[in-house]
Amino acid sequence: MALILWTTEFSVGVDSLDADHIVIFSLINHIDEAHQSGSDEQAIGRVLRVLIDRAIGHFRREEMVMKRHGYPDLEAHAAEHRRIMEDLERLHAAYRQKPSAHISREIVELLAAWLEEHVLKTDMRYRPYVADDREPPKS
């Protein structure tokens, strides 16, 4: 069974950001399933790097959307992103030094819990400002 399931209640109203969330949820579940099936940490480590890169890229995209729409709590929201990125980078550095199922599980659990809390509460605050976002035409 999946560790975390994306449902429409997680939708922030911006297709690209919802797609990011769906991919992040899928990667978390993939790593969780790999742990349960006994996959080696080298394989898990590669997916873990993709997961972290995807999360960091998502934060940047989300902040650009909020900035484009003048979201008033952008700084506080970005500060939450910085805190999770610092935690992820710290854990990933420890993992790179000594790959272990314990650390990769800790990263997955941190992201899963954070996603549920952050998306359902913090992200939903910007939804009215950015719903149906369209990038401005390029000149």
N, C-alpha and C. Protein backbone atom coordinates (compact mmCIF):
# COMPACT_ATOMS: atom_id res chain seq x y z
N MET A 1 0.84 -1.18 0.00
CA MET A 1 0.00 0.00 0.00
C MET A 1 0.88 1.24 0.00
N ALA A 2 0.43 2.28 -0.69
CA ALA A 2 1.20 3.52 -0.80
C ALA A 2 1.31 4.22 0.55
N LEU A 3 2.45 4.82 0.78
CA LEU A 3 2.69 5.58 2.00
C LEU A 3 1.84 6.85 2.01
N ILE A 4 1.74 7.50 0.86
CA ILE A 4 1.00 8.75 0.75
C ILE A 4 0.32 8.79 -0.61
N LEU A 5 -0.96 9.10 -0.61
CA LEU A 5 -1.73 9.13 -1.85
C LEU A 5 -2.14 10.55 -2.20
N TRP A 6 -1.92 10.92 -3.47
CA TRP A 6 -2.38 12.22 -3.94
C TRP A 6 -3.84 12.07 -4.33
N THR A 7 -4.66 12.96 -3.81
CA THR A 7 -6.07 13.02 -4.19
C THR A 7 -6.36 14.47 -4.56
N THR A 8 -7.54 14.72 -5.09
CA THR A 8 -7.88 16.08 -5.51
C THR A 8 -7.90 17.07 -4.34
N GLU A 9 -8.01 16.60 -3.13
CA GLU A 9 -7.97 17.53 -2.00
C GLU A 9 -6.60 18.21 -1.90
N PHE A 10 -5.57 17.64 -2.54
CA PHE A 10 -4.24 18.24 -2.55
C PHE A 10 -4.06 19.25 -3.68
N SER A 11 -5.04 19.39 -4.55
CA SER A 11 -4.91 20.28 -5.71
C SER A 11 -4.83 21.73 -5.27
N VAL A 12 -3.81 22.42 -5.77
CA VAL A 12 -3.65 23.84 -5.47
C VAL A 12 -4.22 24.71 -6.58
N GLY A 13 -4.76 24.10 -7.63
CA GLY A 13 -5.39 24.86 -8.70
C GLY A 13 -4.46 25.30 -9.80
N VAL A 14 -3.21 24.86 -9.74
CA VAL A 14 -2.23 25.17 -10.79
C VAL A 14 -1.71 23.84 -11.31
N ASP A 15 -2.02 23.55 -12.57
CA ASP A 15 -1.70 22.23 -13.13
C ASP A 15 -0.23 21.84 -12.96
N SER A 16 0.69 22.77 -13.23
CA SER A 16 2.11 22.43 -13.15
C SER A 16 2.53 22.11 -11.71
N LEU A 17 1.97 22.82 -10.75
CA LEU A 17 2.32 22.55 -9.34
C LEU A 17 1.66 21.27 -8.85
N ASP A 18 0.43 21.02 -9.29
CA ASP A 18 -0.22 19.75 -8.96
C ASP A 18 0.57 18.58 -9.55
N ALA A 19 1.05 18.75 -10.79
CA ALA A 19 1.84 17.69 -11.43
C ALA A 19 3.12 17.43 -10.64
N ASP A 20 3.77 18.50 -10.16
CA ASP A 20 4.95 18.33 -9.31
C ASP A 20 4.60 17.51 -8.08
N HIS A 21 3.51 17.89 -7.42
CA HIS A 21 3.10 17.17 -6.20
C HIS A 21 2.86 15.69 -6.50
N ILE A 22 2.20 15.41 -7.60
CA ILE A 22 1.91 14.02 -7.96
C ILE A 22 3.20 13.24 -8.16
N VAL A 23 4.18 13.83 -8.85
CA VAL A 23 5.45 13.15 -9.08
C VAL A 23 6.18 12.94 -7.76
N ILE A 24 6.19 13.94 -6.91
CA ILE A 24 6.87 13.82 -5.60
C ILE A 24 6.21 12.72 -4.77
N PHE A 25 4.88 12.69 -4.74
CA PHE A 25 4.17 11.62 -4.03
C PHE A 25 4.58 10.26 -4.59
N SER A 26 4.63 10.15 -5.92
CA SER A 26 4.98 8.88 -6.57
C SER A 26 6.40 8.44 -6.22
N LEU A 27 7.33 9.39 -6.22
CA LEU A 27 8.72 9.05 -5.87
C LEU A 27 8.83 8.60 -4.42
N ILE A 28 8.12 9.26 -3.52
CA ILE A 28 8.11 8.86 -2.11
C ILE A 28 7.60 7.42 -2.01
N ASN A 29 6.51 7.13 -2.70
CA ASN A 29 5.95 5.77 -2.65
C ASN A 29 6.89 4.75 -3.28
N HIS A 30 7.57 5.15 -4.34
CA HIS A 30 8.52 4.25 -4.99
C HIS A 30 9.64 3.86 -4.03
N ILE A 31 10.17 4.85 -3.33
CA ILE A 31 11.25 4.57 -2.37
C ILE A 31 10.73 3.72 -1.22
N ASP A 32 9.54 4.04 -0.73
CA ASP A 32 8.95 3.26 0.35
C ASP A 32 8.76 1.80 -0.07
N GLU A 33 8.27 1.59 -1.29
CA GLU A 33 8.09 0.22 -1.79
C GLU A 33 9.43 -0.48 -1.97
N ALA A 34 10.45 0.26 -2.40
CA ALA A 34 11.79 -0.32 -2.54
C ALA A 34 12.32 -0.77 -1.19
N HIS A 35 12.08 0.01 -0.16
CA HIS A 35 12.48 -0.40 1.20
C HIS A 35 11.78 -1.70 1.58
N GLN A 36 10.47 -1.74 1.34
CA GLN A 36 9.69 -2.91 1.74
C GLN A 36 10.10 -4.16 0.98
N SER A 37 10.55 -3.99 -0.26
CA SER A 37 10.93 -5.16 -1.06
C SER A 37 12.40 -5.54 -0.88
N GLY A 38 13.13 -4.72 -0.10
CA GLY A 38 14.52 -5.05 0.17
C GLY A 38 15.49 -4.62 -0.90
N SER A 39 15.14 -3.62 -1.70
CA SER A 39 16.06 -3.12 -2.74
C SER A 39 17.33 -2.60 -2.10
N ASP A 40 18.40 -2.63 -2.89
CA ASP A 40 19.68 -2.15 -2.35
C ASP A 40 19.68 -0.62 -2.28
N GLU A 41 20.47 -0.12 -1.36
CA GLU A 41 20.52 1.31 -1.11
C GLU A 41 21.10 2.10 -2.28
N GLN A 42 21.91 1.47 -3.10
CA GLN A 42 22.46 2.18 -4.26
C GLN A 42 21.32 2.57 -5.21
N ALA A 43 20.40 1.65 -5.45
CA ALA A 43 19.25 1.94 -6.31
C ALA A 43 18.33 2.96 -5.65
N ILE A 44 18.10 2.81 -4.36
CA ILE A 44 17.26 3.76 -3.63
C ILE A 44 17.90 5.15 -3.64
N GLY A 45 19.21 5.20 -3.52
CA GLY A 45 19.93 6.47 -3.51
C GLY A 45 19.73 7.26 -4.78
N ARG A 46 19.68 6.59 -5.92
CA ARG A 46 19.45 7.29 -7.19
C ARG A 46 18.06 7.92 -7.23
N VAL A 47 17.06 7.18 -6.78
CA VAL A 47 15.69 7.71 -6.77
C VAL A 47 15.58 8.82 -5.73
N LEU A 48 16.28 8.67 -4.64
CA LEU A 48 16.28 9.69 -3.59
C LEU A 48 16.81 11.02 -4.12
N ARG A 49 17.88 10.97 -4.92
CA ARG A 49 18.44 12.20 -5.50
C ARG A 49 17.42 12.85 -6.44
N VAL A 50 16.74 12.04 -7.23
CA VAL A 50 15.70 12.57 -8.13
C VAL A 50 14.59 13.23 -7.30
N LEU A 51 14.20 12.57 -6.23
CA LEU A 51 13.14 13.10 -5.36
C LEU A 51 13.55 14.45 -4.78
N ILE A 52 14.74 14.55 -4.26
CA ILE A 52 15.20 15.81 -3.66
C ILE A 52 15.31 16.89 -4.72
N ASP A 53 15.88 16.56 -5.88
CA ASP A 53 15.98 17.55 -6.97
C ASP A 53 14.59 18.02 -7.39
N ARG A 54 13.66 17.10 -7.48
CA ARG A 54 12.29 17.45 -7.90
C ARG A 54 11.64 18.35 -6.85
N ALA A 55 11.84 18.06 -5.58
CA ALA A 55 11.26 18.89 -4.52
C ALA A 55 11.84 20.31 -4.57
N ILE A 56 13.15 20.42 -4.74
CA ILE A 56 13.79 21.74 -4.80
C ILE A 56 13.30 22.52 -6.02
N GLY A 57 13.22 21.86 -7.16
CA GLY A 57 12.70 22.52 -8.36
C GLY A 57 11.26 22.97 -8.17
N HIS A 58 10.48 22.14 -7.52
CA HIS A 58 9.08 22.48 -7.24
C HIS A 58 8.99 23.73 -6.38
N PHE A 59 9.81 23.82 -5.35
CA PHE A 59 9.76 24.99 -4.48
C PHE A 59 10.02 26.26 -5.29
N ARG A 60 11.01 26.19 -6.17
CA ARG A 60 11.33 27.36 -7.00
C ARG A 60 10.15 27.74 -7.90
N ARG A 61 9.56 26.74 -8.54
CA ARG A 61 8.41 27.01 -9.42
C ARG A 61 7.24 27.59 -8.63
N GLU A 62 6.98 27.02 -7.48
CA GLU A 62 5.87 27.48 -6.66
C GLU A 62 6.08 28.93 -6.22
N GLU A 63 7.30 29.25 -5.82
CA GLU A 63 7.61 30.62 -5.39
C GLU A 63 7.49 31.60 -6.56
N MET A 64 7.86 31.19 -7.77
CA MET A 64 7.71 32.06 -8.93
C MET A 64 6.23 32.35 -9.21
N VAL A 65 5.39 31.32 -9.09
CA VAL A 65 3.95 31.51 -9.30
C VAL A 65 3.39 32.46 -8.25
N MET A 66 3.77 32.26 -7.00
CA MET A 66 3.27 33.14 -5.94
C MET A 66 3.74 34.58 -6.15
N LYS A 67 4.99 34.75 -6.56
CA LYS A 67 5.52 36.09 -6.82
C LYS A 67 4.77 36.75 -7.97
N ARG A 68 4.54 36.01 -9.04
CA ARG A 68 3.85 36.53 -10.22
C ARG A 68 2.45 37.04 -9.86
N HIS A 69 1.82 36.41 -8.86
CA HIS A 69 0.47 36.78 -8.47
C HIS A 69 0.42 37.67 -7.24
N GLY A 70 1.58 38.10 -6.77
CA GLY A 70 1.61 39.02 -5.63
C GLY A 70 1.10 38.42 -4.34
N TYR A 71 1.37 37.13 -4.13
CA TYR A 71 0.91 36.47 -2.91
C TYR A 71 1.54 37.15 -1.69
N PRO A 72 0.73 37.66 -0.77
CA PRO A 72 1.25 38.47 0.34
C PRO A 72 2.11 37.71 1.36
N ASP A 73 1.95 36.39 1.48
CA ASP A 73 2.73 35.63 2.46
C ASP A 73 3.88 34.86 1.82
N LEU A 74 4.36 35.35 0.69
CA LEU A 74 5.44 34.66 -0.03
C LEU A 74 6.68 34.45 0.84
N GLU A 75 7.09 35.46 1.58
CA GLU A 75 8.32 35.33 2.38
C GLU A 75 8.20 34.23 3.43
N ALA A 76 7.08 34.16 4.12
CA ALA A 76 6.89 33.12 5.14
C ALA A 76 6.84 31.75 4.48
N HIS A 77 6.19 31.67 3.34
CA HIS A 77 6.08 30.40 2.62
C HIS A 77 7.47 29.95 2.15
N ALA A 78 8.22 30.89 1.59
CA ALA A 78 9.58 30.58 1.12
C ALA A 78 10.48 30.16 2.29
N ALA A 79 10.26 30.74 3.46
CA ALA A 79 11.04 30.35 4.64
C ALA A 79 10.77 28.90 5.01
N GLU A 80 9.51 28.46 4.87
CA GLU A 80 9.21 27.03 5.11
C GLU A 80 9.94 26.16 4.10
N HIS A 81 9.97 26.58 2.85
CA HIS A 81 10.70 25.83 1.83
C HIS A 81 12.18 25.73 2.19
N ARG A 82 12.76 26.85 2.63
CA ARG A 82 14.18 26.83 2.99
C ARG A 82 14.45 25.85 4.14
N ARG A 83 13.54 25.83 5.13
CA ARG A 83 13.74 24.91 6.27
C ARG A 83 13.71 23.45 5.80
N ILE A 84 12.76 23.10 4.94
CA ILE A 84 12.70 21.71 4.49
C ILE A 84 13.90 21.39 3.61
N MET A 85 14.33 22.34 2.78
CA MET A 85 15.51 22.10 1.93
C MET A 85 16.76 21.88 2.78
N GLU A 86 16.89 22.67 3.85
CA GLU A 86 18.04 22.49 4.75
C GLU A 86 18.01 21.11 5.39
N ASP A 87 16.83 20.69 5.86
CA ASP A 87 16.69 19.36 6.45
C ASP A 87 17.03 18.27 5.42
N LEU A 88 16.49 18.44 4.20
CA LEU A 88 16.75 17.44 3.15
C LEU A 88 18.23 17.37 2.80
N GLU A 89 18.85 18.52 2.64
CA GLU A 89 20.28 18.53 2.29
C GLU A 89 21.14 17.95 3.40
N ARG A 90 20.79 18.25 4.65
CA ARG A 90 21.54 17.69 5.79
C ARG A 90 21.43 16.17 5.81
N LEU A 91 20.19 15.68 5.65
CA LEU A 91 19.99 14.23 5.65
C LEU A 91 20.63 13.57 4.43
N HIS A 92 20.53 14.23 3.29
CA HIS A 92 21.10 13.64 2.08
C HIS A 92 22.63 13.61 2.17
N ALA A 93 23.24 14.62 2.78
CA ALA A 93 24.69 14.62 2.97
C ALA A 93 25.10 13.44 3.86
N ALA A 94 24.34 13.21 4.91
CA ALA A 94 24.62 12.06 5.79
C ALA A 94 24.44 10.76 5.02
N TYR A 95 23.43 10.72 4.17
CA TYR A 95 23.16 9.52 3.38
C TYR A 95 24.30 9.26 2.38
N ARG A 96 24.78 10.32 1.75
CA ARG A 96 25.89 10.15 0.78
C ARG A 96 27.15 9.65 1.47
N GLN A 97 27.38 10.09 2.70
CA GLN A 97 28.55 9.63 3.45
C GLN A 97 28.44 8.16 3.80
N LYS A 98 27.25 7.75 4.21
CA LYS A 98 27.05 6.35 4.60
C LYS A 98 25.62 5.95 4.26
N PRO A 99 25.39 5.49 3.02
CA PRO A 99 24.03 5.11 2.63
C PRO A 99 23.45 4.06 3.58
N SER A 100 22.26 4.35 4.05
CA SER A 100 21.60 3.39 4.93
C SER A 100 20.09 3.49 4.76
N ALA A 101 19.43 2.39 4.98
CA ALA A 101 17.97 2.37 4.90
C ALA A 101 17.37 3.29 5.95
N HIS A 102 18.03 3.39 7.09
CA HIS A 102 17.52 4.25 8.16
C HIS A 102 17.43 5.71 7.69
N ILE A 103 18.48 6.21 7.06
CA ILE A 103 18.49 7.61 6.63
C ILE A 103 17.54 7.82 5.45
N SER A 104 17.53 6.90 4.49
CA SER A 104 16.63 7.09 3.35
C SER A 104 15.17 7.02 3.80
N ARG A 105 14.88 6.17 4.77
CA ARG A 105 13.51 6.13 5.32
C ARG A 105 13.17 7.44 6.03
N GLU A 106 14.15 7.97 6.75
CA GLU A 106 13.93 9.23 7.46
C GLU A 106 13.61 10.36 6.46
N ILE A 107 14.31 10.38 5.33
CA ILE A 107 14.05 11.39 4.30
C ILE A 107 12.65 11.22 3.74
N VAL A 108 12.28 9.99 3.42
CA VAL A 108 10.95 9.71 2.87
C VAL A 108 9.86 10.08 3.87
N GLU A 109 10.04 9.71 5.12
CA GLU A 109 9.03 10.02 6.13
C GLU A 109 8.93 11.52 6.37
N LEU A 110 10.07 12.21 6.37
CA LEU A 110 10.08 13.66 6.53
C LEU A 110 9.29 14.31 5.39
N LEU A 111 9.58 13.90 4.16
CA LEU A 111 8.89 14.49 3.01
C LEU A 111 7.41 14.14 3.00
N ALA A 112 7.07 12.92 3.30
CA ALA A 112 5.65 12.52 3.29
C ALA A 112 4.86 13.31 4.32
N ALA A 113 5.37 13.39 5.54
CA ALA A 113 4.67 14.14 6.60
C ALA A 113 4.62 15.62 6.26
N TRP A 114 5.72 16.14 5.76
CA TRP A 114 5.77 17.55 5.42
C TRP A 114 4.80 17.86 4.28
N LEU A 115 4.75 17.01 3.27
CA LEU A 115 3.84 17.24 2.15
C LEU A 115 2.40 17.30 2.60
N GLU A 116 2.01 16.34 3.40
CA GLU A 116 0.62 16.34 3.88
C GLU A 116 0.31 17.62 4.63
N GLU A 117 1.17 17.99 5.53
CA GLU A 117 0.95 19.19 6.34
C GLU A 117 1.05 20.45 5.48
N HIS A 118 2.11 20.56 4.70
CA HIS A 118 2.38 21.78 3.94
C HIS A 118 1.36 21.99 2.82
N VAL A 119 1.11 20.96 2.03
CA VAL A 119 0.19 21.13 0.90
C VAL A 119 -1.22 21.41 1.39
N LEU A 120 -1.69 20.64 2.36
CA LEU A 120 -3.07 20.79 2.80
C LEU A 120 -3.33 22.06 3.61
N LYS A 121 -2.31 22.62 4.19
CA LYS A 121 -2.51 23.84 4.98
C LYS A 121 -1.85 25.05 4.34
N THR A 122 -0.53 25.04 4.27
CA THR A 122 0.20 26.21 3.80
C THR A 122 -0.07 26.51 2.33
N ASP A 123 0.01 25.49 1.47
CA ASP A 123 -0.22 25.74 0.04
C ASP A 123 -1.64 26.18 -0.24
N MET A 124 -2.57 25.67 0.51
CA MET A 124 -3.97 26.05 0.27
C MET A 124 -4.23 27.53 0.53
N ARG A 125 -3.37 28.16 1.30
CA ARG A 125 -3.53 29.60 1.57
C ARG A 125 -3.27 30.43 0.30
N TYR A 126 -2.38 29.95 -0.58
CA TYR A 126 -2.11 30.73 -1.79
C TYR A 126 -3.07 30.38 -2.92
N ARG A 127 -3.80 29.32 -2.79
CA ARG A 127 -4.68 28.87 -3.87
C ARG A 127 -5.60 29.97 -4.42
N PRO A 128 -6.30 30.74 -3.57
CA PRO A 128 -7.18 31.77 -4.13
C PRO A 128 -6.44 32.82 -4.96
N TYR A 129 -5.16 33.00 -4.69
CA TYR A 129 -4.38 34.01 -5.41
C TYR A 129 -3.88 33.51 -6.77
N VAL A 130 -3.67 32.21 -6.89
CA VAL A 130 -2.99 31.69 -8.08
C VAL A 130 -3.82 30.70 -8.89
N ALA A 131 -5.03 30.38 -8.45
CA ALA A 131 -5.83 29.37 -9.14
C ALA A 131 -5.93 29.70 -10.63
N ASP A 132 -5.86 28.67 -11.44
CA ASP A 132 -5.90 28.81 -12.89
C ASP A 132 -4.77 29.68 -13.41
N ASP A 133 -3.60 29.55 -12.79
CA ASP A 133 -2.42 30.32 -13.20
C ASP A 133 -2.09 30.06 -14.66
N ARG A 134 -1.77 31.10 -15.33
CA ARG A 134 -1.24 31.01 -16.70
C ARG A 134 0.02 31.86 -16.74
N GLU A 135 1.07 31.30 -17.28
CA GLU A 135 2.29 32.09 -17.42
C GLU A 135 2.04 33.20 -18.40
N PRO A 136 2.62 34.37 -18.13
CA PRO A 136 2.46 35.47 -19.08
C PRO A 136 3.12 35.11 -20.41
N PRO A 137 2.57 35.62 -21.53
CA PRO A 137 3.19 35.31 -22.82
C PRO A 137 4.61 35.84 -22.88
N LYS A 138 5.47 35.09 -23.55
CA LYS A 138 6.87 35.52 -23.71
C LYS A 138 6.96 36.47 -24.89
N SER A 139 7.71 37.54 -24.69
CA SER A 139 7.83 38.53 -25.76
C SER A 139 8.97 38.21 -26.69
